[in-house]
PDB file of N, CA and C in Angstrom:
ATOM      1  N   MET A   1     203.396  96.415  93.742  1.00  0.00           N
ATOM      2  CA  MET A   1     203.418  96.055  94.898  1.00  0.00           C
ATOM      3  C   MET A   1     204.778  95.528  95.397  1.00  0.00           C
ATOM      4  N   GLN A   2     204.242  96.720  96.712  1.00  0.00           N
ATOM      5  CA  GLN A   2     205.721  97.153  97.296  1.00  0.00           C
ATOM      6  C   GLN A   2     206.530  95.454  97.468  1.00  0.00           C
ATOM      7  N   CYS A   3     206.042  94.756  97.962  1.00  0.00           N
ATOM      8  CA  CYS A   3     207.195  93.440  98.139  1.00  0.00           C
ATOM      9  C   CYS A   3     207.901  93.245  97.125  1.00  0.00           C
ATOM     10  N   ARG A   4     207.336  93.370  95.914  1.00  0.00           N
ATOM     11  CA  ARG A   4     207.688  93.121  94.823  1.00  0.00           C
ATOM     12  C   ARG A   4     209.277  93.832  94.375  1.00  0.00           C
ATOM     13  N   ALA A   5     208.796  94.899  94.324  1.00  0.00           N
ATOM     14  CA  ALA A   5     209.937  95.643  93.945  1.00  0.00           C
ATOM     15  C   ALA A   5     211.092  96.252  94.548  1.00  0.00           C
ATOM     16  N   LEU A   6     210.901  95.609  96.289  1.00  0.00           N
ATOM     17  CA  LEU A   6     211.983  95.647  97.362  1.00  0.00           C
ATOM     18  C   LEU A   6     212.502  93.878  96.648  1.00  0.00           C
ATOM     19  N   LEU A   7     212.199  92.971  96.368  1.00  0.00           N
ATOM     20  CA  LEU A   7     212.985  92.038  95.865  1.00  0.00           C
ATOM     21  C   LEU A   7     213.473  92.116  94.753  1.00  0.00           C
ATOM     22  N   GLN A   8     212.931  92.489  93.759  1.00  0.00           N
ATOM     23  CA  GLN A   8     213.526  93.316  92.341  1.00  0.00           C
ATOM     24  C   GLN A   8     214.588  93.837  92.512  1.00  0.00           C
ATOM     25  N   VAL A   9     214.642  94.716  93.420  1.00  0.00           N
ATOM     26  CA  VAL A   9     215.874  95.621  93.555  1.00  0.00           C
ATOM     27  C   VAL A   9     217.209  95.148  94.190  1.00  0.00           C
ATOM     28  N   LEU A  10     216.687  94.128  95.373  1.00  0.00           N
ATOM     29  CA  LEU A  10     217.358  93.084  95.524  1.00  0.00           C
ATOM     30  C   LEU A  10     218.192  92.060  94.743  1.00  0.00           C
ATOM     31  N   LEU A  11     217.933  91.265  93.695  1.00  0.00           N
ATOM     32  CA  LEU A  11     218.274  91.044  92.727  1.00  0.00           C
ATOM     33  C   LEU A  11     218.535  91.336  91.528  1.00  0.00           C
ATOM     34  N   ILE A  12     218.833  92.782  91.229  1.00  0.00           N
ATOM     35  CA  ILE A  12     219.188  93.523  90.294  1.00  0.00           C
ATOM     36  C   ILE A  12     220.889  94.106  91.350  1.00  0.00           C
ATOM     37  N   GLY A  13     220.750  94.392  92.621  1.00  0.00           N
ATOM     38  CA  GLY A  13     222.232  95.395  92.975  1.00  0.00           C
ATOM     39  C   GLY A  13     223.039  93.173  93.036  1.00  0.00           C
ATOM     40  N   ALA A  14     222.572  91.773  93.250  1.00  0.00           N
ATOM     41  CA  ALA A  14     223.159  91.050  93.246  1.00  0.00           C
ATOM     42  C   ALA A  14     223.539  90.472  91.630  1.00  0.00           C
ATOM     43  N   GLY A  15     223.169  91.445  90.844  1.00  0.00           N
ATOM     44  CA  GLY A  15     223.523  91.056  89.584  1.00  0.00           C
ATOM     45  C   GLY A  15     222.748  90.070  88.770  1.00  0.00           C
ATOM     46  N   ILE A  16     221.786  90.489  89.093  1.00  0.00           N
ATOM     47  CA  ILE A  16     220.803  89.223  88.490  1.00  0.00           C
ATOM     48  C   ILE A  16     219.937  89.676  87.157  1.00  0.00           C
ATOM     49  N   GLU A  17     219.379  89.107  86.035  1.00  0.00           N
ATOM     50  CA  GLU A  17     218.395  89.607  85.294  1.00  0.00           C
ATOM     51  C   GLU A  17     217.184  89.782  85.987  1.00  0.00           C
ATOM     52  N   VAL A  18     216.505  90.552  85.890  1.00  0.00           N
ATOM     53  CA  VAL A  18     215.056  90.908  86.201  1.00  0.00           C
ATOM     54  C   VAL A  18     213.909  91.411  85.613  1.00  0.00           C
ATOM     55  N   VAL A  19     212.820  91.357  84.541  1.00  0.00           N
ATOM     56  CA  VAL A  19     211.738  91.532  84.115  1.00  0.00           C
ATOM     57  C   VAL A  19     210.432  91.938  84.843  1.00  0.00           C
ATOM     58  N   VAL A  20     210.478  93.388  84.809  1.00  0.00           N
ATOM     59  CA  VAL A  20     209.191  93.010  85.885  1.00  0.00           C
ATOM     60  C   VAL A  20     207.958  93.686  84.803  1.00  0.00           C
ATOM     61  N   ASP A  21     206.099  92.935  84.950  1.00  0.00           N
ATOM     62  CA  ASP A  21     205.272  92.278  84.111  1.00  0.00           C
ATOM     63  C   ASP A  21     205.629  92.296  82.655  1.00  0.00           C
ATOM     64  N   LYS A  22     206.657  90.804  83.088  1.00  0.00           N
ATOM     65  CA  LYS A  22     206.913  90.611  81.267  1.00  0.00           C
ATOM     66  C   LYS A  22     205.362  90.198  80.857  1.00  0.00           C
ATOM     67  N   HIS A  23     205.239  90.815  79.305  1.00  0.00           N
ATOM     68  CA  HIS A  23     203.276  90.642  79.000  1.00  0.00           C
ATOM     69  C   HIS A  23     203.901  89.203  77.999  1.00  0.00           C
ATOM     70  N   THR A  24     202.751  89.209  77.942  1.00  0.00           N
ATOM     71  CA  THR A  24     202.733  88.337  76.627  1.00  0.00           C
ATOM     72  C   THR A  24     200.852  87.881  76.437  1.00  0.00           C
ATOM     73  N   ALA A  25     201.109  86.419  75.442  1.00  0.00           N
ATOM     74  CA  ALA A  25     199.704  86.866  74.088  1.00  0.00           C
ATOM     75  C   ALA A  25     198.583  86.811  75.770  1.00  0.00           C
ATOM     76  N   LEU A  26     199.142  85.984  76.474  1.00  0.00           N
ATOM     77  CA  LEU A  26     197.527  85.572  77.381  1.00  0.00           C
ATOM     78  C   LEU A  26     197.212  86.476  78.877  1.00  0.00           C
ATOM     79  N   GLY A  27     198.692  87.310  79.389  1.00  0.00           N
ATOM     80  CA  GLY A  27     199.060  87.934  80.655  1.00  0.00           C
ATOM     81  C   GLY A  27     199.991  88.476  80.304  1.00  0.00           C
ATOM     82  N   ARG A  28     200.032  88.282  82.268  1.00  0.00           N
ATOM     83  CA  ARG A  28     202.014  89.341  82.144  1.00  0.00           C
ATOM     84  C   ARG A  28     202.026  88.352  83.951  1.00  0.00           C
ATOM     85  N   SER A  29     202.968  88.324  83.870  1.00  0.00           N
ATOM     86  CA  SER A  29     203.848  87.782  85.217  1.00  0.00           C
ATOM     87  C   SER A  29     204.707  89.089  86.046  1.00  0.00           C
ATOM     88  N   ASN A  30     204.172  88.529  87.296  1.00  0.00           N
ATOM     89  CA  ASN A  30     204.659  90.154  88.211  1.00  0.00           C
ATOM     90  C   ASN A  30     206.670  89.984  87.526  1.00  0.00           C
ATOM     91  N   LEU A  31     207.369  89.255  87.667  1.00  0.00           N
ATOM     92  CA  LEU A  31     208.192  88.996  87.844  1.00  0.00           C
ATOM     93  C   LEU A  31     208.944  87.918  87.312  1.00  0.00           C
ATOM     94  N   ASP A  32     210.047  87.850  86.123  1.00  0.00           N
ATOM     95  CA  ASP A  32     210.702  86.891  85.930  1.00  0.00           C
ATOM     96  C   ASP A  32     212.138  87.466  85.867  1.00  0.00           C
ATOM     97  N   VAL A  33     213.029  86.072  86.189  1.00  0.00           N
ATOM     98  CA  VAL A  33     214.171  86.254  86.534  1.00  0.00           C
ATOM     99  C   VAL A  33     215.182  85.009  86.078  1.00  0.00           C
ATOM    100  N   GLU A  34     215.758  85.412  85.535  1.00  0.00           N
ATOM    101  CA  GLU A  34     217.142  84.342  84.835  1.00  0.00           C
ATOM    102  C   GLU A  34     218.203  84.676  84.952  1.00  0.00           C
ATOM    103  N   ASN A  35     219.159  83.911  85.564  1.00  0.00           N
ATOM    104  CA  ASN A  35     220.020  83.204  85.894  1.00  0.00           C
ATOM    105  C   ASN A  35     220.672  81.864  86.084  1.00  0.00           C
ATOM    106  N   GLY A  36     221.631  82.121  85.324  1.00  0.00           N
ATOM    107  CA  GLY A  36     222.317  80.783  84.462  1.00  0.00           C
ATOM    108  C   GLY A  36     221.732  80.553  83.532  1.00  0.00           C
ATOM    109  N   ASN A  37     221.429  78.813  83.933  1.00  0.00           N
ATOM    110  CA  ASN A  37     220.258  78.192  83.349  1.00  0.00           C
ATOM    111  C   ASN A  37     219.256  78.341  83.628  1.00  0.00           C
ATOM    112  N   ARG A  38     218.979  78.576  84.535  1.00  0.00           N
ATOM    113  CA  ARG A  38     217.809  79.091  84.853  1.00  0.00           C
ATOM    114  C   ARG A  38     216.999  80.078  84.875  1.00  0.00           C
ATOM    115  N   ARG A  39     215.642  79.949  84.777  1.00  0.00           N
ATOM    116  CA  ARG A  39     214.234  80.923  84.626  1.00  0.00           C
ATOM    117  C   ARG A  39     213.124  80.764  85.861  1.00  0.00           C
ATOM    118  N   TRP A  40     213.242  81.618  86.397  1.00  0.00           N
ATOM    119  CA  TRP A  40     211.857  82.140  87.378  1.00  0.00           C
ATOM    120  C   TRP A  40     211.397  82.704  87.250  1.00  0.00           C
ATOM    121  N   ILE A  41     209.916  82.344  87.685  1.00  0.00           N
ATOM    122  CA  ILE A  41     208.529  83.446  87.137  1.00  0.00           C
ATOM    123  C   ILE A  41     208.229  83.200  88.405  1.00  0.00           C
ATOM    124  N   PHE A  42     208.008  84.338  89.097  1.00  0.00           N
ATOM    125  CA  PHE A  42     206.818  84.675  90.276  1.00  0.00           C
ATOM    126  C   PHE A  42     206.397  85.412  89.834  1.00  0.00           C
ATOM    127  N   GLU A  43     204.617  84.640  91.180  1.00  0.00           N
ATOM    128  CA  GLU A  43     203.442  85.477  90.866  1.00  0.00           C
ATOM    129  C   GLU A  43     202.847  86.295  92.831  1.00  0.00           C
ATOM    130  N   PHE A  44     202.964  87.290  92.387  1.00  0.00           N
ATOM    131  CA  PHE A  44     202.169  87.550  93.620  1.00  0.00           C
ATOM    132  C   PHE A  44     201.158  87.716  93.922  1.00  0.00           C
ATOM    133  N   LYS A  45     200.335  87.684  95.239  1.00  0.00           N
ATOM    134  CA  LYS A  45     199.162  87.859  95.327  1.00  0.00           C
ATOM    135  C   LYS A  45     199.177  88.708  96.893  1.00  0.00           C
ATOM    136  N   PHE A  46     198.329  89.566  97.469  1.00  0.00           N
ATOM    137  CA  PHE A  46     198.562  90.684  98.341  1.00  0.00           C
ATOM    138  C   PHE A  46     197.256  89.998  99.626  1.00  0.00           C
ATOM    139  N   ALA A  47     197.028  89.546 100.439  1.00  0.00           N
ATOM    140  CA  ALA A  47     195.831  88.854 100.821  1.00  0.00           C
ATOM    141  C   ALA A  47     195.457  90.221 102.397  1.00  0.00           C
ATOM    142  N   LYS A  48     194.361  90.918 101.926  1.00  0.00           N
ATOM    143  CA  LYS A  48     194.384  91.210 103.179  1.00  0.00           C
ATOM    144  C   LYS A  48     194.084  90.966 104.894  1.00  0.00           C
ATOM    145  N   ASP A  49     193.277  90.022 104.716  1.00  0.00           N
ATOM    146  CA  ASP A  49     193.167  88.765 105.554  1.00  0.00           C
ATOM    147  C   ASP A  49     193.620  87.564 105.709  1.00  0.00           C
ATOM    148  N   GLU A  50     193.781  86.549 106.502  1.00  0.00           N
ATOM    149  CA  GLU A  50     194.262  85.465 106.673  1.00  0.00           C
ATOM    150  C   GLU A  50     193.152  84.156 106.306  1.00  0.00           C
ATOM    151  N   GLU A  51     191.691  85.131 105.665  1.00  0.00           N
ATOM    152  CA  GLU A  51     191.097  83.680 105.423  1.00  0.00           C
ATOM    153  C   GLU A  51     191.200  83.729 103.738  1.00  0.00           C
ATOM    154  N   GLU A  52     192.225  84.835 103.422  1.00  0.00           N
ATOM    155  CA  GLU A  52     191.827  84.603 101.704  1.00  0.00           C
ATOM    156  C   GLU A  52     193.340  84.087 101.313  1.00  0.00           C
ATOM    157  N   VAL A  53     194.316  83.288 102.287  1.00  0.00           N
ATOM    158  CA  VAL A  53     195.345  83.169 101.568  1.00  0.00           C
ATOM    159  C   VAL A  53     195.584  81.864 100.869  1.00  0.00           C
ATOM    160  N   GLY A  54     194.710  81.526 101.020  1.00  0.00           N
ATOM    161  CA  GLY A  54     195.006  79.748 100.661  1.00  0.00           C
ATOM    162  C   GLY A  54     193.880  80.099  99.086  1.00  0.00           C
ATOM    163  N   ALA A  55     192.780  80.511  99.111  1.00  0.00           N
ATOM    164  CA  ALA A  55     192.115  80.385  97.613  1.00  0.00           C
ATOM    165  C   ALA A  55     193.209  81.782  96.985  1.00  0.00           C
ATOM    166  N   LEU A  56     193.916  82.434  98.034  1.00  0.00           N
ATOM    167  CA  LEU A  56     194.592  83.562  96.495  1.00  0.00           C
ATOM    168  C   LEU A  56     195.955  82.958  95.997  1.00  0.00           C
ATOM    169  N   LEU A  57     196.567  81.841  96.907  1.00  0.00           N
ATOM    170  CA  LEU A  57     197.484  80.890  96.378  1.00  0.00           C
ATOM    171  C   LEU A  57     196.816  80.463  95.636  1.00  0.00           C
ATOM    172  N   GLU A  58     195.988  79.311  95.706  1.00  0.00           N
ATOM    173  CA  GLU A  58     195.570  78.608  94.464  1.00  0.00           C
ATOM    174  C   GLU A  58     195.275  79.666  92.858  1.00  0.00           C
ATOM    175  N   GLN A  59     194.582  80.441  92.986  1.00  0.00           N
ATOM    176  CA  GLN A  59     194.635  81.394  91.632  1.00  0.00           C
ATOM    177  C   GLN A  59     195.679  81.814  91.725  1.00  0.00           C
ATOM    178  N   ALA A  60     196.528  81.928  92.352  1.00  0.00           N
ATOM    179  CA  ALA A  60     197.968  82.607  91.548  1.00  0.00           C
ATOM    180  C   ALA A  60     199.170  81.357  90.720  1.00  0.00           C
ATOM    181  N   VAL A  61     198.595  79.923  91.550  1.00  0.00           N
ATOM    182  CA  VAL A  61     199.170  78.899  90.651  1.00  0.00           C
ATOM    183  C   VAL A  61     198.916  78.940  89.591  1.00  0.00           C
ATOM    184  N   GLU A  62     197.376  78.870  89.851  1.00  0.00           N
ATOM    185  CA  GLU A  62     196.548  78.677  88.584  1.00  0.00           C
ATOM    186  C   GLU A  62     196.270  80.082  87.269  1.00  0.00           C
ATOM    187  N   GLN A  63     196.659  81.046  87.591  1.00  0.00           N
ATOM    188  CA  GLN A  63     197.027  81.428  87.295  1.00  0.00           C
ATOM    189  C   GLN A  63     198.584  81.924  86.031  1.00  0.00           C
ATOM    190  N   VAL A  64     198.788  81.087  86.995  1.00  0.00           N
ATOM    191  CA  VAL A  64     200.778  81.302  86.531  1.00  0.00           C
ATOM    192  C   VAL A  64     200.622  79.691  84.835  1.00  0.00           C
ATOM    193  N   ARG A  65     199.572  78.708  85.377  1.00  0.00           N
ATOM    194  CA  ARG A  65     199.454  77.679  84.550  1.00  0.00           C
ATOM    195  C   ARG A  65     198.669  78.202  83.424  1.00  0.00           C
ATOM    196  N   SER A  66     197.473  78.372  83.385  1.00  0.00           N
ATOM    197  CA  SER A  66     196.715  78.830  82.438  1.00  0.00           C
ATOM    198  C   SER A  66     197.332  79.476  81.789  1.00  0.00           C
ATOM    199  N   ARG A  67     198.086  80.653  81.867  1.00  0.00           N
ATOM    200  CA  ARG A  67     198.109  81.576  80.658  1.00  0.00           C
ATOM    201  C   ARG A  67     199.730  81.681  80.411  1.00  0.00           C
ATOM    202  N   ARG A  68     200.369  80.020  80.777  1.00  0.00           N
ATOM    203  CA  ARG A  68     201.544  79.644  80.339  1.00  0.00           C
ATOM    204  C   ARG A  68     203.269  81.351  80.825  1.00  0.00           C
ATOM    205  N   TYR A  69     202.876  81.480  81.515  1.00  0.00           N
ATOM    206  CA  TYR A  69     204.019  82.711  81.652  1.00  0.00           C
ATOM    207  C   TYR A  69     205.755  81.924  80.859  1.00  0.00           C
ATOM    208  N   SER A  70     205.976  82.396  80.552  1.00  0.00           N
ATOM    209  CA  SER A  70     208.014  82.400  79.628  1.00  0.00           C
ATOM    210  C   SER A  70     207.703  81.402  79.907  1.00  0.00           C
ATOM    211  N   GLU A  71     206.742  80.179  79.063  1.00  0.00           N
ATOM    212  CA  GLU A  71     206.996  79.385  77.983  1.00  0.00           C
ATOM    213  C   GLU A  71     207.185  79.432  77.191  1.00  0.00           C
ATOM    214  N   SER A  72     208.477  78.730  76.252  1.00  0.00           N
ATOM    215  CA  SER A  72     209.656  79.602  74.856  1.00  0.00           C
ATOM    216  C   SER A  72     210.220  78.179  74.836  1.00  0.00           C
ATOM    217  N   ALA A  73     210.772  78.680  73.645  1.00  0.00           N
ATOM    218  CA  ALA A  73     211.291  77.169  73.485  1.00  0.00           C
ATOM    219  C   ALA A  73     212.966  77.637  73.910  1.00  0.00           C
ATOM    220  N   SER A  74     213.493  77.799  75.027  1.00  0.00           N
ATOM    221  CA  SER A  74     214.517  78.503  75.554  1.00  0.00           C
ATOM    222  C   SER A  74     214.977  77.171  76.103  1.00  0.00           C
ATOM    223  N   ALA A  75     216.254  76.653  76.468  1.00  0.00           N
ATOM    224  CA  ALA A  75     216.897  75.725  76.592  1.00  0.00           C
ATOM    225  C   ALA A  75     216.718  76.075  78.487  1.00  0.00           C
ATOM    226  N   LYS A  76     216.769  76.944  79.115  1.00  0.00           N
ATOM    227  CA  LYS A  76     216.634  77.036  80.713  1.00  0.00           C
ATOM    228  C   LYS A  76     215.478  76.361  81.092  1.00  0.00           C
ATOM    229  N   GLU A  77     216.188  75.970  81.839  1.00  0.00           N
ATOM    230  CA  GLU A  77     215.015  75.250  83.332  1.00  0.00           C
ATOM    231  C   GLU A  77     214.003  76.414  83.680  1.00  0.00           C
ATOM    232  N   LEU A  78     212.973  76.126  83.487  1.00  0.00           N
ATOM    233  CA  LEU A  78     211.467  77.114  84.220  1.00  0.00           C
ATOM    234  C   LEU A  78     210.967  77.055  85.631  1.00  0.00           C
ATOM    235  N   ASN A  79     211.141  77.154  85.883  1.00  0.00           N
ATOM    236  CA  ASN A  79     210.617  77.415  87.436  1.00  0.00           C
ATOM    237  C   ASN A  79     209.316  78.431  88.008  1.00  0.00           C
ATOM    238  N   ARG A  80     208.220  78.090  88.114  1.00  0.00           N
ATOM    239  CA  ARG A  80     207.261  79.011  88.492  1.00  0.00           C
ATOM    240  C   ARG A  80     207.151  79.237  89.967  1.00  0.00           C
ATOM    241  N   MET A  81     207.003  79.882  90.157  1.00  0.00           N
ATOM    242  CA  MET A  81     206.788  80.346  92.063  1.00  0.00           C
ATOM    243  C   MET A  81     205.491  81.560  91.657  1.00  0.00           C
ATOM    244  N   ALA A  82     204.664  80.990  92.727  1.00  0.00           N
ATOM    245  CA  ALA A  82     203.285  81.519  93.630  1.00  0.00           C
ATOM    246  C   ALA A  82     203.723  81.758  94.783  1.00  0.00           C
ATOM    247  N   LEU A  83     203.278  83.716  95.111  1.00  0.00           N
ATOM    248  CA  LEU A  83     203.599  83.654  96.815  1.00  0.00           C
ATOM    249  C   LEU A  83     202.402  84.555  96.619  1.00  0.00           C
ATOM    250  N   VAL A  84     202.322  84.459  98.095  1.00  0.00           N
ATOM    251  CA  VAL A  84     201.328  85.557  98.607  1.00  0.00           C
ATOM    252  C   VAL A  84     201.449  85.895  99.890  1.00  0.00           C
ATOM    253  N   PHE A  85     201.416  87.520  99.810  1.00  0.00           N
ATOM    254  CA  PHE A  85     201.873  88.186 101.338  1.00  0.00           C
ATOM    255  C   PHE A  85     200.943  88.738 101.708  1.00  0.00           C
ATOM    256  N   ASP A  86     200.618  88.585 103.163  1.00  0.00           N
ATOM    257  CA  ASP A  86     199.482  88.890 103.895  1.00  0.00           C
ATOM    258  C   ASP A  86     200.042  89.716 104.914  1.00  0.00           C
ATOM    259  N   ALA A  87     198.796  90.949 104.969  1.00  0.00           N
ATOM    260  CA  ALA A  87     199.293  92.714 105.239  1.00  0.00           C
ATOM    261  C   ALA A  87     199.349  93.112 106.524  1.00  0.00           C
ATOM    262  N   ALA A  88     198.754  91.908 107.636  1.00  0.00           N
ATOM    263  CA  ALA A  88     198.085  91.986 108.287  1.00  0.00           C
ATOM    264  C   ALA A  88     199.892  91.605 109.032  1.00  0.00           C
ATOM    265  N   GLN A  89     200.225  89.832 108.763  1.00  0.00           N
ATOM    266  CA  GLN A  89     201.502  89.425 109.301  1.00  0.00           C
ATOM    267  C   GLN A  89     202.695  90.466 108.534  1.00  0.00           C
ATOM    268  N   ARG A  90     202.201  91.334 107.896  1.00  0.00           N
ATOM    269  CA  ARG A  90     203.670  91.597 107.009  1.00  0.00           C
ATOM    270  C   ARG A  90     204.593  90.537 106.475  1.00  0.00           C
ATOM    271  N   ARG A  91     204.445  89.715 105.801  1.00  0.00           N
ATOM    272  CA  ARG A  91     205.465  88.537 104.996  1.00  0.00           C
ATOM    273  C   ARG A  91     204.685  87.947 104.051  1.00  0.00           C
ATOM    274  N   PHE A  92     205.874  86.946 103.760  1.00  0.00           N
ATOM    275  CA  PHE A  92     205.309  85.959 102.482  1.00  0.00           C
ATOM    276  C   PHE A  92     204.661  85.247 103.602  1.00  0.00           C
ATOM    277  N   VAL A  93     203.382  84.099 103.540  1.00  0.00           N
ATOM    278  CA  VAL A  93     202.998  83.256 103.657  1.00  0.00           C
ATOM    279  C   VAL A  93     202.463  82.191 103.738  1.00  0.00           C
ATOM    280  N   ALA A  94     202.194  81.913 102.303  1.00  0.00           N
ATOM    281  CA  ALA A  94     202.252  80.926 101.713  1.00  0.00           C
ATOM    282  C   ALA A  94     202.923  81.012  99.850  1.00  0.00           C
ATOM    283  N   TRP A  95     203.166  79.748  99.470  1.00  0.00           N
ATOM    284  CA  TRP A  95     203.896  79.857  98.587  1.00  0.00           C
ATOM    285  C   TRP A  95     204.247  78.819  98.019  1.00  0.00           C
ATOM    286  N   GLN A  96     204.093  78.666  96.675  1.00  0.00           N
ATOM    287  CA  GLN A  96     203.886  77.131  96.051  1.00  0.00           C
ATOM    288  C   GLN A  96     205.050  77.244  94.653  1.00  0.00           C
TER     289      GLN A  96
END
């Protein structure tokens, strides 16, 4: 996904550690970011039309939870983000 790659480049340029498609036993997250004492897990979905947005957001949230992306014994605060990119509007239109 091109928007994921752009976000990755921006974060790396800011000196933030980024891992793309981090594999786990249950799947892989799209983007993992570590900064200070926080970890951010991003799951991106691509909507071809506006009618898909709600369902894709729910799917992304469920995917992050059910596959337990980046759960570990780490003391870092874990934040999970689900984002939906709309092709027609060419921007992120929903997130949770």
